[in-house]
Amino acid sequence: MGVYVGEAEGTAMEIVNTEQAAAWDGHEGDVWTEQADRYDRAGGRILDHFVAADLIRPADRVVDIGCGTGRVTRLVAGTAVDGSVLGIDLSSRMLELARKRTADDGLTNVTFVQGDAQVFPFEANDFDVAISSFGAMFFNDPVAAFANIARGVCPGGRLAVLAWRTLPENDWLMELRAALAVGRELPMPPPDAPTPFSLADPARVQDIFGRAGFGAVECTPIDEPMMLGTDLTDAMDYAQTMGIVEGLTDGLEPEARERAMANLRELFALHETADGVLLKSAAWLITARSLKEG
């Protein structure tokens, strides 16, 4: 556990997910902020399911966990017109952009705060709904994190989380890995580590959410293509900013890196359509209810 100083005000925050904080309030957060439109567009079809799932009511008080640059936060705020939305994230850069875009949209029912949702001092029963779109897979203690979120949700309140299904089900990642492997055998991520796939197993989700204080857990599959670029050139530009590409090419000899990027170009060319460069993705929409009694 540590104390982390962030945001312009220099506010001290309790942080337990220190590696995630270092990444998202550092290089990763900078890249996602600079490429916000591309990242929003890439998963836009998945996020449309989230918004269309009729999860939010006009008077709801909502907290958005791992809100990033606030795309979903703003969409939800447009539904919770008589309520309020709090967005929380580790990245000061992403929150800065989220605040700007929220102000540009004229939304007055949204607040953003930098913090670690695993230990953030949410007021008890302060929210009707807790949501997260691909921001809740990285907790080092997911039971503690969701229990803390549950404390902030009112009795009978709702939880809705978007998370990736298994790596083999996500062609966009499997094919990227294969293209960039250049003869290496790449290990699969541990199923219970704080990776993008930590909520991929429905049985594990049931266990985590149940121990944290949520019931009526349902995992609904979402299968939509990821848009990795408007065309081949755009996809290659986007790839230069992607963490997986950086991670799998870092340290390669120049010849191997050139071969990896050539493989990537061939992959994108194979999947280029009139609607952009599209590869299959697989996610869960996980919903649950607080087990607290009023």
C-alpha atoms as a PDB file:
ATOM      1  CA  MET A   1       0.000   0.000   0.000  1.00  0.00           C
ATOM      2  CA  GLY A   2       1.271   3.459  -0.737  1.00  0.00           C
ATOM      3  CA  VAL A   3       0.365   7.117  -0.821  1.00  0.00           C
ATOM      4  CA  TYR A   4       0.390   8.678  -4.246  1.00  0.00           C
ATOM      5  CA  VAL A   5       0.401  12.411  -5.009  1.00  0.00           C
ATOM      6  CA  GLY A   6      -1.482  13.347  -8.162  1.00  0.00           C
ATOM      7  CA  GLU A   7      -3.520  15.979  -9.946  1.00  0.00           C
ATOM      8  CA  ALA A   8      -2.733  19.679 -10.086  1.00  0.00           C
ATOM      9  CA  GLU A   9      -3.893  20.236  -6.510  1.00  0.00           C
ATOM     10  CA  GLY A  10      -1.228  17.820  -5.206  1.00  0.00           C
ATOM     11  CA  THR A  11      -3.833  15.819  -3.316  1.00  0.00           C
ATOM     12  CA  ALA A  12      -2.465  12.771  -1.517  1.00  0.00           C
ATOM     13  CA  MET A  13      -4.327   9.592  -2.446  1.00  0.00           C
ATOM     14  CA  GLU A  14      -4.124   6.075  -1.101  1.00  0.00           C
ATOM     15  CA  ILE A  15      -3.024   3.742  -3.890  1.00  0.00           C
ATOM     16  CA  VAL A  16      -2.662  -0.025  -3.646  1.00  0.00           C
ATOM     17  CA  ASN A  17      -2.525  -0.766  -7.378  1.00  0.00           C
ATOM     18  CA  THR A  18       0.833   0.967  -7.608  1.00  0.00           C
ATOM     19  CA  GLU A  19       2.034  -0.634 -10.851  1.00  0.00           C
ATOM     20  CA  GLN A  20      -1.206   0.288 -12.580  1.00  0.00           C
ATOM     21  CA  ALA A  21      -0.981   3.825 -11.185  1.00  0.00           C
ATOM     22  CA  ALA A  22       2.568   4.222 -12.478  1.00  0.00           C
ATOM     23  CA  ALA A  23       1.499   3.079 -15.947  1.00  0.00           C
ATOM     24  CA  TRP A  24      -1.820   4.903 -16.273  1.00  0.00           C
ATOM     25  CA  ASP A  25      -0.635   8.121 -14.659  1.00  0.00           C
ATOM     26  CA  GLY A  26       2.455   7.863 -16.824  1.00  0.00           C
ATOM     27  CA  HIS A  27       3.214   6.600 -20.319  1.00  0.00           C
ATOM     28  CA  GLU A  28       0.048   4.531 -20.874  1.00  0.00           C
ATOM     29  CA  GLY A  29      -2.193   7.395 -19.803  1.00  0.00           C
ATOM     30  CA  ASP A  30      -0.328   9.824 -22.042  1.00  0.00           C
ATOM     31  CA  VAL A  31      -0.732   7.562 -25.075  1.00  0.00           C
ATOM     32  CA  TRP A  32      -4.423   6.898 -24.428  1.00  0.00           C
ATOM     33  CA  THR A  33      -5.040  10.630 -24.035  1.00  0.00           C
ATOM     34  CA  GLU A  34      -3.246  11.491 -27.260  1.00  0.00           C
ATOM     35  CA  GLN A  35      -5.039   8.688 -29.126  1.00  0.00           C
ATOM     36  CA  ALA A  36      -8.403   9.009 -27.353  1.00  0.00           C
ATOM     37  CA  ASP A  37     -10.466   9.254 -30.523  1.00  0.00           C
ATOM     38  CA  ARG A  38      -8.839   6.145 -31.981  1.00  0.00           C
ATOM     39  CA  TYR A  39      -9.330   4.129 -28.793  1.00  0.00           C
ATOM     40  CA  ASP A  40     -12.957   5.235 -28.527  1.00  0.00           C
ATOM     41  CA  ARG A  41     -13.556   4.337 -32.156  1.00  0.00           C
ATOM     42  CA  ALA A  42     -11.798   0.957 -31.903  1.00  0.00           C
ATOM     43  CA  GLY A  43     -14.213  -0.405 -29.318  1.00  0.00           C
ATOM     44  CA  GLY A  44     -17.169   1.751 -30.251  1.00  0.00           C
ATOM     45  CA  ARG A  45     -19.407  -1.117 -31.331  1.00  0.00           C
ATOM     46  CA  ILE A  46     -18.887  -2.886 -28.004  1.00  0.00           C
ATOM     47  CA  LEU A  47     -19.572   0.277 -26.028  1.00  0.00           C
ATOM     48  CA  ASP A  48     -22.782   0.768 -27.990  1.00  0.00           C
ATOM     49  CA  HIS A  49     -24.085  -2.479 -26.439  1.00  0.00           C
ATOM     50  CA  PHE A  50     -23.213  -1.195 -22.997  1.00  0.00           C
ATOM     51  CA  VAL A  51     -25.074   2.062 -23.506  1.00  0.00           C
ATOM     52  CA  ALA A  52     -28.031   0.332 -25.203  1.00  0.00           C
ATOM     53  CA  ALA A  53     -28.504  -2.191 -22.379  1.00  0.00           C
ATOM     54  CA  ASP A  54     -30.956   0.083 -20.533  1.00  0.00           C
ATOM     55  CA  LEU A  55     -28.807   0.053 -17.405  1.00  0.00           C
ATOM     56  CA  ILE A  56     -29.287   3.686 -16.370  1.00  0.00           C
ATOM     57  CA  ARG A  57     -32.412   5.551 -15.271  1.00  0.00           C
ATOM     58  CA  PRO A  58     -32.915   9.334 -15.390  1.00  0.00           C
ATOM     59  CA  ALA A  59     -32.516   9.914 -11.627  1.00  0.00           C
ATOM     60  CA  ASP A  60     -29.660   7.454 -11.053  1.00  0.00           C
ATOM     61  CA  ARG A  61     -26.516   8.339  -9.148  1.00  0.00           C
ATOM     62  CA  VAL A  62     -23.748   6.594 -11.083  1.00  0.00           C
ATOM     63  CA  VAL A  63     -20.054   5.913 -10.511  1.00  0.00           C
ATOM     64  CA  ASP A  64     -17.886   5.032 -13.534  1.00  0.00           C
ATOM     65  CA  ILE A  65     -14.856   2.982 -12.468  1.00  0.00           C
ATOM     66  CA  GLY A  66     -11.762   3.447 -14.640  1.00  0.00           C
ATOM     67  CA  CYS A  67     -13.534   6.124 -16.657  1.00  0.00           C
ATOM     68  CA  GLY A  68     -10.493   7.124 -18.712  1.00  0.00           C
ATOM     69  CA  THR A  69     -11.218  10.039 -21.023  1.00  0.00           C
ATOM     70  CA  GLY A  70     -14.888   9.824 -20.136  1.00  0.00           C
ATOM     71  CA  ARG A  71     -16.639   8.660 -23.294  1.00  0.00           C
ATOM     72  CA  VAL A  72     -19.014   6.319 -21.452  1.00  0.00           C
ATOM     73  CA  THR A  73     -19.250   8.722 -18.509  1.00  0.00           C
ATOM     74  CA  ARG A  74     -20.621  11.410 -20.806  1.00  0.00           C
ATOM     75  CA  LEU A  75     -23.014   9.030 -22.544  1.00  0.00           C
ATOM     76  CA  VAL A  76     -24.372   7.863 -19.194  1.00  0.00           C
ATOM     77  CA  ALA A  77     -24.705  11.460 -18.003  1.00  0.00           C
ATOM     78  CA  GLY A  78     -26.958  12.099 -20.970  1.00  0.00           C
ATOM     79  CA  THR A  79     -29.316   9.414 -19.638  1.00  0.00           C
ATOM     80  CA  ALA A  80     -29.041  10.217 -15.917  1.00  0.00           C
ATOM     81  CA  VAL A  81     -30.285  13.735 -16.610  1.00  0.00           C
ATOM     82  CA  ASP A  82     -31.851  14.135 -13.155  1.00  0.00           C
ATOM     83  CA  GLY A  83     -29.069  12.237 -11.409  1.00  0.00           C
ATOM     84  CA  SER A  84     -25.295  12.495 -11.242  1.00  0.00           C
ATOM     85  CA  VAL A  85     -22.207  10.702 -12.521  1.00  0.00           C
ATOM     86  CA  LEU A  86     -18.822  10.393 -10.816  1.00  0.00           C
ATOM     87  CA  GLY A  87     -15.918   9.236 -12.966  1.00  0.00           C
ATOM     88  CA  ILE A  88     -12.839   7.856 -11.203  1.00  0.00           C
ATOM     89  CA  ASP A  89      -9.521   6.930 -12.803  1.00  0.00           C
ATOM     90  CA  LEU A  90      -5.819   6.621 -11.987  1.00  0.00           C
ATOM     91  CA  SER A  91      -4.712   8.851 -14.885  1.00  0.00           C
ATOM     92  CA  SER A  92      -4.549  12.612 -14.381  1.00  0.00           C
ATOM     93  CA  ARG A  93      -3.947  13.176 -18.108  1.00  0.00           C
ATOM     94  CA  MET A  94      -6.996  11.189 -19.147  1.00  0.00           C
ATOM     95  CA  LEU A  95      -9.127  12.934 -16.542  1.00  0.00           C
ATOM     96  CA  GLU A  96      -7.966  16.313 -17.804  1.00  0.00           C
ATOM     97  CA  LEU A  97      -9.292  15.458 -21.259  1.00  0.00           C
ATOM     98  CA  ALA A  98     -12.458  13.958 -19.749  1.00  0.00           C
ATOM     99  CA  ARG A  99     -13.191  17.217 -17.928  1.00  0.00           C
ATOM    100  CA  LYS A 100     -12.581  19.280 -21.056  1.00  0.00           C
ATOM    101  CA  ARG A 101     -14.856  17.169 -23.239  1.00  0.00           C
ATOM    102  CA  THR A 102     -17.537  17.111 -20.564  1.00  0.00           C
ATOM    103  CA  ALA A 103     -17.461  20.904 -20.367  1.00  0.00           C
ATOM    104  CA  ASP A 104     -17.509  21.150 -24.169  1.00  0.00           C
ATOM    105  CA  ASP A 105     -20.654  18.984 -24.162  1.00  0.00           C
ATOM    106  CA  GLY A 106     -22.300  21.290 -21.637  1.00  0.00           C
ATOM    107  CA  LEU A 107     -22.850  18.498 -19.095  1.00  0.00           C
ATOM    108  CA  THR A 108     -23.247  19.769 -15.541  1.00  0.00           C
ATOM    109  CA  ASN A 109     -24.097  16.522 -13.722  1.00  0.00           C
ATOM    110  CA  VAL A 110     -20.611  14.985 -14.002  1.00  0.00           C
ATOM    111  CA  THR A 111     -17.653  15.071 -11.607  1.00  0.00           C
ATOM    112  CA  PHE A 112     -14.251  13.464 -12.087  1.00  0.00           C
ATOM    113  CA  VAL A 113     -11.771  12.409  -9.413  1.00  0.00           C
ATOM    114  CA  GLN A 114      -8.351  10.790  -9.555  1.00  0.00           C
ATOM    115  CA  GLY A 115      -8.095   7.750  -7.330  1.00  0.00           C
ATOM    116  CA  ASP A 116      -7.786   3.998  -6.885  1.00  0.00           C
ATOM    117  CA  ALA A 117     -11.282   2.489  -6.779  1.00  0.00           C
ATOM    118  CA  GLN A 118      -9.998  -0.443  -4.718  1.00  0.00           C
ATOM    119  CA  VAL A 119      -9.473   1.831  -1.699  1.00  0.00           C
ATOM    120  CA  PHE A 120     -11.199   5.107  -2.589  1.00  0.00           C
ATOM    121  CA  PRO A 121     -13.351   6.311   0.351  1.00  0.00           C
ATOM    122  CA  PHE A 122     -16.737   6.118  -1.357  1.00  0.00           C
ATOM    123  CA  GLU A 123     -19.598   7.293   0.823  1.00  0.00           C
ATOM    124  CA  ALA A 124     -21.810   4.386   1.875  1.00  0.00           C
ATOM    125  CA  ASN A 125     -24.915   3.895  -0.295  1.00  0.00           C
ATOM    126  CA  ASP A 126     -23.978   6.934  -2.402  1.00  0.00           C
ATOM    127  CA  PHE A 127     -24.694   5.332  -5.805  1.00  0.00           C
ATOM    128  CA  ASP A 128     -27.566   3.548  -7.482  1.00  0.00           C
ATOM    129  CA  VAL A 129     -25.318   2.095 -10.187  1.00  0.00           C
ATOM    130  CA  ALA A 130     -21.607   1.311 -10.523  1.00  0.00           C
ATOM    131  CA  ILE A 131     -20.339   0.812 -14.066  1.00  0.00           C
ATOM    132  CA  SER A 132     -17.014   0.090 -15.704  1.00  0.00           C
ATOM    133  CA  SER A 133     -16.127  -0.280 -19.367  1.00  0.00           C
ATOM    134  CA  PHE A 134     -12.876  -2.271 -19.537  1.00  0.00           C
ATOM    135  CA  GLY A 135     -11.551  -0.524 -16.424  1.00  0.00           C
ATOM    136  CA  ALA A 136     -12.115  -3.129 -13.711  1.00  0.00           C
ATOM    137  CA  MET A 137      -9.853  -6.012 -14.784  1.00  0.00           C
ATOM    138  CA  PHE A 138      -6.608  -4.731 -13.271  1.00  0.00           C
ATOM    139  CA  PHE A 139      -7.187  -4.761  -9.499  1.00  0.00           C
ATOM    140  CA  ASN A 140      -4.497  -6.631  -7.577  1.00  0.00           C
ATOM    141  CA  ASP A 141      -7.203  -7.733  -5.104  1.00  0.00           C
ATOM    142  CA  PRO A 142     -10.469  -7.845  -7.056  1.00  0.00           C
ATOM    143  CA  VAL A 143     -12.568  -9.054  -4.111  1.00  0.00           C
ATOM    144  CA  ALA A 144     -11.412  -6.116  -1.983  1.00  0.00           C
ATOM    145  CA  ALA A 145     -11.937  -3.734  -4.899  1.00  0.00           C
ATOM    146  CA  PHE A 146     -15.475  -4.851  -5.680  1.00  0.00           C
ATOM    147  CA  ALA A 147     -16.301  -4.966  -1.958  1.00  0.00           C
ATOM    148  CA  ASN A 148     -15.231  -1.329  -1.734  1.00  0.00           C
ATOM    149  CA  ILE A 149     -17.394  -0.498  -4.738  1.00  0.00           C
ATOM    150  CA  ALA A 150     -20.261  -2.459  -3.164  1.00  0.00           C
ATOM    151  CA  ARG A 151     -19.983  -0.291  -0.063  1.00  0.00           C
ATOM    152  CA  GLY A 152     -20.723   2.754  -2.195  1.00  0.00           C
ATOM    153  CA  VAL A 153     -23.709   1.146  -3.928  1.00  0.00           C
ATOM    154  CA  CYS A 154     -27.107   1.401  -2.250  1.00  0.00           C
ATOM    155  CA  PRO A 155     -29.148  -1.684  -1.215  1.00  0.00           C
ATOM    156  CA  GLY A 156     -30.437  -3.339  -4.375  1.00  0.00           C
ATOM    157  CA  GLY A 157     -28.165  -1.137  -6.472  1.00  0.00           C
ATOM    158  CA  ARG A 158     -26.754  -2.335  -9.777  1.00  0.00           C
ATOM    159  CA  LEU A 159     -23.327  -3.162 -11.137  1.00  0.00           C
ATOM    160  CA  ALA A 160     -22.479  -3.365 -14.846  1.00  0.00           C
ATOM    161  CA  VAL A 161     -19.005  -4.204 -16.128  1.00  0.00           C
ATOM    162  CA  LEU A 162     -17.588  -4.666 -19.612  1.00  0.00           C
ATOM    163  CA  ALA A 163     -14.610  -7.030 -19.646  1.00  0.00           C
ATOM    164  CA  TRP A 164     -12.805  -9.152 -22.203  1.00  0.00           C
ATOM    165  CA  ARG A 165     -13.523 -12.839 -22.607  1.00  0.00           C
ATOM    166  CA  THR A 166     -10.558 -15.199 -22.993  1.00  0.00           C
ATOM    167  CA  LEU A 167      -7.569 -14.316 -25.121  1.00  0.00           C
ATOM    168  CA  PRO A 168      -8.180 -17.170 -27.636  1.00  0.00           C
ATOM    169  CA  GLU A 169     -11.694 -15.801 -28.263  1.00  0.00           C
ATOM    170  CA  ASN A 170     -10.299 -12.383 -29.167  1.00  0.00           C
ATOM    171  CA  ASP A 171      -8.969 -12.726 -32.692  1.00  0.00           C
ATOM    172  CA  TRP A 172      -7.814  -9.111 -32.765  1.00  0.00           C
ATOM    173  CA  LEU A 173      -5.311  -9.878 -30.015  1.00  0.00           C
ATOM    174  CA  MET A 174      -4.444 -13.445 -30.988  1.00  0.00           C
ATOM    175  CA  GLU A 175      -3.694 -12.448 -34.568  1.00  0.00           C
ATOM    176  CA  LEU A 176      -1.703  -9.413 -33.447  1.00  0.00           C
ATOM    177  CA  ARG A 177       0.363 -11.666 -31.181  1.00  0.00           C
ATOM    178  CA  ALA A 178       0.916 -14.189 -33.969  1.00  0.00           C
ATOM    179  CA  ALA A 179       2.008 -11.469 -36.388  1.00  0.00           C
ATOM    180  CA  LEU A 180       4.460  -9.986 -33.907  1.00  0.00           C
ATOM    181  CA  ALA A 181       5.825 -13.258 -32.493  1.00  0.00           C
ATOM    182  CA  VAL A 182       8.447 -13.668 -35.273  1.00  0.00           C
ATOM    183  CA  GLY A 183       9.411 -17.170 -34.155  1.00  0.00           C
ATOM    184  CA  ARG A 184       8.972 -16.636 -30.421  1.00  0.00           C
ATOM    185  CA  GLU A 185       6.590 -18.685 -28.274  1.00  0.00           C
ATOM    186  CA  LEU A 186       4.540 -16.118 -26.399  1.00  0.00           C
ATOM    187  CA  PRO A 187       3.144 -17.149 -22.993  1.00  0.00           C
ATOM    188  CA  MET A 188      -0.553 -16.896 -22.229  1.00  0.00           C
ATOM    189  CA  PRO A 189      -1.487 -14.487 -19.417  1.00  0.00           C
ATOM    190  CA  PRO A 190      -2.259 -16.092 -16.022  1.00  0.00           C
ATOM    191  CA  PRO A 191      -6.051 -16.269 -15.576  1.00  0.00           C
ATOM    192  CA  ASP A 192      -6.031 -14.783 -12.073  1.00  0.00           C
ATOM    193  CA  ALA A 193      -3.471 -12.011 -12.606  1.00  0.00           C
ATOM    194  CA  PRO A 194      -4.476  -8.333 -13.050  1.00  0.00           C
ATOM    195  CA  THR A 195      -4.528  -8.530 -16.844  1.00  0.00           C
ATOM    196  CA  PRO A 196      -7.214  -7.624 -19.403  1.00  0.00           C
ATOM    197  CA  PHE A 197      -8.527 -11.212 -19.008  1.00  0.00           C
ATOM    198  CA  SER A 198      -8.906 -11.404 -15.230  1.00  0.00           C
ATOM    199  CA  LEU A 199     -12.726 -11.424 -15.548  1.00  0.00           C
ATOM    200  CA  ALA A 200     -12.872 -13.768 -18.545  1.00  0.00           C
ATOM    201  CA  ASP A 201     -13.999 -16.851 -16.580  1.00  0.00           C
ATOM    202  CA  PRO A 202     -17.688 -16.605 -15.556  1.00  0.00           C
ATOM    203  CA  ALA A 203     -17.127 -18.949 -12.600  1.00  0.00           C
ATOM    204  CA  ARG A 204     -14.363 -16.702 -11.293  1.00  0.00           C
ATOM    205  CA  VAL A 205     -16.573 -13.654 -11.824  1.00  0.00           C
ATOM    206  CA  GLN A 206     -19.366 -15.304  -9.825  1.00  0.00           C
ATOM    207  CA  ASP A 207     -16.944 -16.056  -6.993  1.00  0.00           C
ATOM    208  CA  ILE A 208     -15.378 -12.578  -6.901  1.00  0.00           C
ATOM    209  CA  PHE A 209     -18.649 -10.689  -7.119  1.00  0.00           C
ATOM    210  CA  GLY A 210     -20.369 -12.976  -4.611  1.00  0.00           C
ATOM    211  CA  ARG A 211     -17.594 -12.574  -2.036  1.00  0.00           C
ATOM    212  CA  ALA A 212     -17.658  -8.812  -2.614  1.00  0.00           C
ATOM    213  CA  GLY A 213     -21.373  -8.504  -1.856  1.00  0.00           C
ATOM    214  CA  PHE A 214     -23.091  -8.772  -5.222  1.00  0.00           C
ATOM    215  CA  GLY A 215     -25.642 -11.343  -6.387  1.00  0.00           C
ATOM    216  CA  ALA A 216     -27.773 -12.130  -9.447  1.00  0.00           C
ATOM    217  CA  VAL A 217     -24.571 -12.136 -11.495  1.00  0.00           C
ATOM    218  CA  GLU A 218     -25.080 -12.589 -15.233  1.00  0.00           C
ATOM    219  CA  CYS A 219     -22.480 -12.685 -18.016  1.00  0.00           C
ATOM    220  CA  THR A 220     -23.873 -11.781 -21.436  1.00  0.00           C
ATOM    221  CA  PRO A 221     -21.537 -12.312 -24.414  1.00  0.00           C
ATOM    222  CA  ILE A 222     -20.857  -9.487 -26.845  1.00  0.00           C
ATOM    223  CA  ASP A 223     -19.256 -10.290 -30.197  1.00  0.00           C
ATOM    224  CA  GLU A 224     -18.340  -7.257 -32.257  1.00  0.00           C
ATOM    225  CA  PRO A 225     -15.387  -6.347 -34.469  1.00  0.00           C
ATOM    226  CA  MET A 226     -12.660  -4.071 -33.203  1.00  0.00           C
ATOM    227  CA  MET A 227     -11.969  -1.260 -35.649  1.00  0.00           C
ATOM    228  CA  LEU A 228      -8.201  -0.927 -35.737  1.00  0.00           C
ATOM    229  CA  GLY A 229      -8.202   1.774 -38.393  1.00  0.00           C
ATOM    230  CA  THR A 230     -10.265   3.501 -41.028  1.00  0.00           C
ATOM    231  CA  ASP A 231      -7.929   1.977 -43.606  1.00  0.00           C
ATOM    232  CA  LEU A 232      -4.582   0.186 -43.778  1.00  0.00           C
ATOM    233  CA  THR A 233      -2.501   3.337 -43.294  1.00  0.00           C
ATOM    234  CA  ASP A 234      -4.559   4.462 -40.316  1.00  0.00           C
ATOM    235  CA  ALA A 235      -4.348   0.991 -38.754  1.00  0.00           C
ATOM    236  CA  MET A 236      -0.560   0.960 -39.037  1.00  0.00           C
ATOM    237  CA  ASP A 237      -0.374   4.432 -37.482  1.00  0.00           C
ATOM    238  CA  TYR A 238      -2.637   3.290 -34.645  1.00  0.00           C
ATOM    239  CA  ALA A 239      -0.557   0.147 -34.123  1.00  0.00           C
ATOM    240  CA  GLN A 240       2.514   2.259 -33.350  1.00  0.00           C
ATOM    241  CA  THR A 241       0.695   3.548 -30.239  1.00  0.00           C
ATOM    242  CA  MET A 242      -0.738   0.244 -28.986  1.00  0.00           C
ATOM    243  CA  GLY A 243       0.733  -1.185 -25.806  1.00  0.00           C
ATOM    244  CA  ILE A 244       0.667  -4.754 -27.126  1.00  0.00           C
ATOM    245  CA  VAL A 245       2.659  -3.756 -30.213  1.00  0.00           C
ATOM    246  CA  GLU A 246       5.164  -1.792 -28.172  1.00  0.00           C
ATOM    247  CA  GLY A 247       5.499  -4.616 -25.663  1.00  0.00           C
ATOM    248  CA  LEU A 248       6.000  -7.355 -28.257  1.00  0.00           C
ATOM    249  CA  THR A 249       8.465  -5.425 -30.428  1.00  0.00           C
ATOM    250  CA  ASP A 250      10.504  -3.774 -27.683  1.00  0.00           C
ATOM    251  CA  GLY A 251      13.944  -5.326 -27.583  1.00  0.00           C
ATOM    252  CA  LEU A 252      13.714  -7.005 -30.987  1.00  0.00           C
ATOM    253  CA  GLU A 253      16.676  -6.730 -33.301  1.00  0.00           C
ATOM    254  CA  PRO A 254      16.027  -4.249 -36.151  1.00  0.00           C
ATOM    255  CA  GLU A 255      15.599  -7.021 -38.733  1.00  0.00           C
ATOM    256  CA  ALA A 256      13.137  -8.932 -36.539  1.00  0.00           C
ATOM    257  CA  ARG A 257      11.180  -5.767 -35.780  1.00  0.00           C
ATOM    258  CA  GLU A 258      10.960  -4.940 -39.472  1.00  0.00           C
ATOM    259  CA  ARG A 259       9.662  -8.459 -40.141  1.00  0.00           C
ATOM    260  CA  ALA A 260       7.120  -8.158 -37.315  1.00  0.00           C
ATOM    261  CA  MET A 261       5.756  -4.881 -38.655  1.00  0.00           C
ATOM    262  CA  ALA A 262       5.595  -6.342 -42.175  1.00  0.00           C
ATOM    263  CA  ASN A 263       3.566  -9.243 -40.758  1.00  0.00           C
ATOM    264  CA  LEU A 264       1.282  -6.743 -39.064  1.00  0.00           C
ATOM    265  CA  ARG A 265       0.745  -4.853 -42.313  1.00  0.00           C
ATOM    266  CA  GLU A 266      -0.159  -8.122 -44.059  1.00  0.00           C
ATOM    267  CA  LEU A 267      -2.634  -8.930 -41.274  1.00  0.00           C
ATOM    268  CA  PHE A 268      -4.313  -5.540 -41.493  1.00  0.00           C
ATOM    269  CA  ALA A 269      -4.447  -5.710 -45.287  1.00  0.00           C
ATOM    270  CA  LEU A 270      -6.199  -9.081 -45.012  1.00  0.00           C
ATOM    271  CA  HIS A 271      -8.861  -7.568 -42.736  1.00  0.00           C
ATOM    272  CA  GLU A 272      -9.302  -4.236 -44.519  1.00  0.00           C
ATOM    273  CA  THR A 273     -12.933  -3.666 -45.521  1.00  0.00           C
ATOM    274  CA  ALA A 274     -15.013  -0.771 -46.759  1.00  0.00           C
ATOM    275  CA  ASP A 275     -15.815  -0.085 -43.081  1.00  0.00           C
ATOM    276  CA  GLY A 276     -12.199  -0.110 -41.946  1.00  0.00           C
ATOM    277  CA  VAL A 277      -9.725  -2.684 -40.640  1.00  0.00           C
ATOM    278  CA  LEU A 278     -11.921  -5.001 -38.566  1.00  0.00           C
ATOM    279  CA  LEU A 279     -10.967  -7.994 -36.408  1.00  0.00           C
ATOM    280  CA  LYS A 280     -13.212 -10.072 -34.161  1.00  0.00           C
ATOM    281  CA  SER A 281     -13.406  -9.299 -30.458  1.00  0.00           C
ATOM    282  CA  ALA A 282     -15.203 -11.055 -27.602  1.00  0.00           C
ATOM    283  CA  ALA A 283     -16.380  -9.412 -24.387  1.00  0.00           C
ATOM    284  CA  TRP A 284     -18.732  -9.924 -21.458  1.00  0.00           C
ATOM    285  CA  LEU A 285     -21.366  -7.536 -20.236  1.00  0.00           C
ATOM    286  CA  ILE A 286     -21.440  -8.540 -16.572  1.00  0.00           C
ATOM    287  CA  THR A 287     -24.393  -7.366 -14.497  1.00  0.00           C
ATOM    288  CA  ALA A 288     -25.154  -7.864 -10.809  1.00  0.00           C
ATOM    289  CA  ARG A 289     -27.091  -6.439  -7.868  1.00  0.00           C
ATOM    290  CA  SER A 290     -26.048  -5.406  -4.393  1.00  0.00           C
ATOM    291  CA  LEU A 291     -26.941  -7.952  -1.711  1.00  0.00           C
ATOM    292  CA  LYS A 292     -27.186  -5.269   0.968  1.00  0.00           C
ATOM    293  CA  GLU A 293     -30.527  -4.919   2.691  1.00  0.00           C
ATOM    294  CA  GLY A 294     -32.108  -1.509   3.152  1.00  0.00           C
END
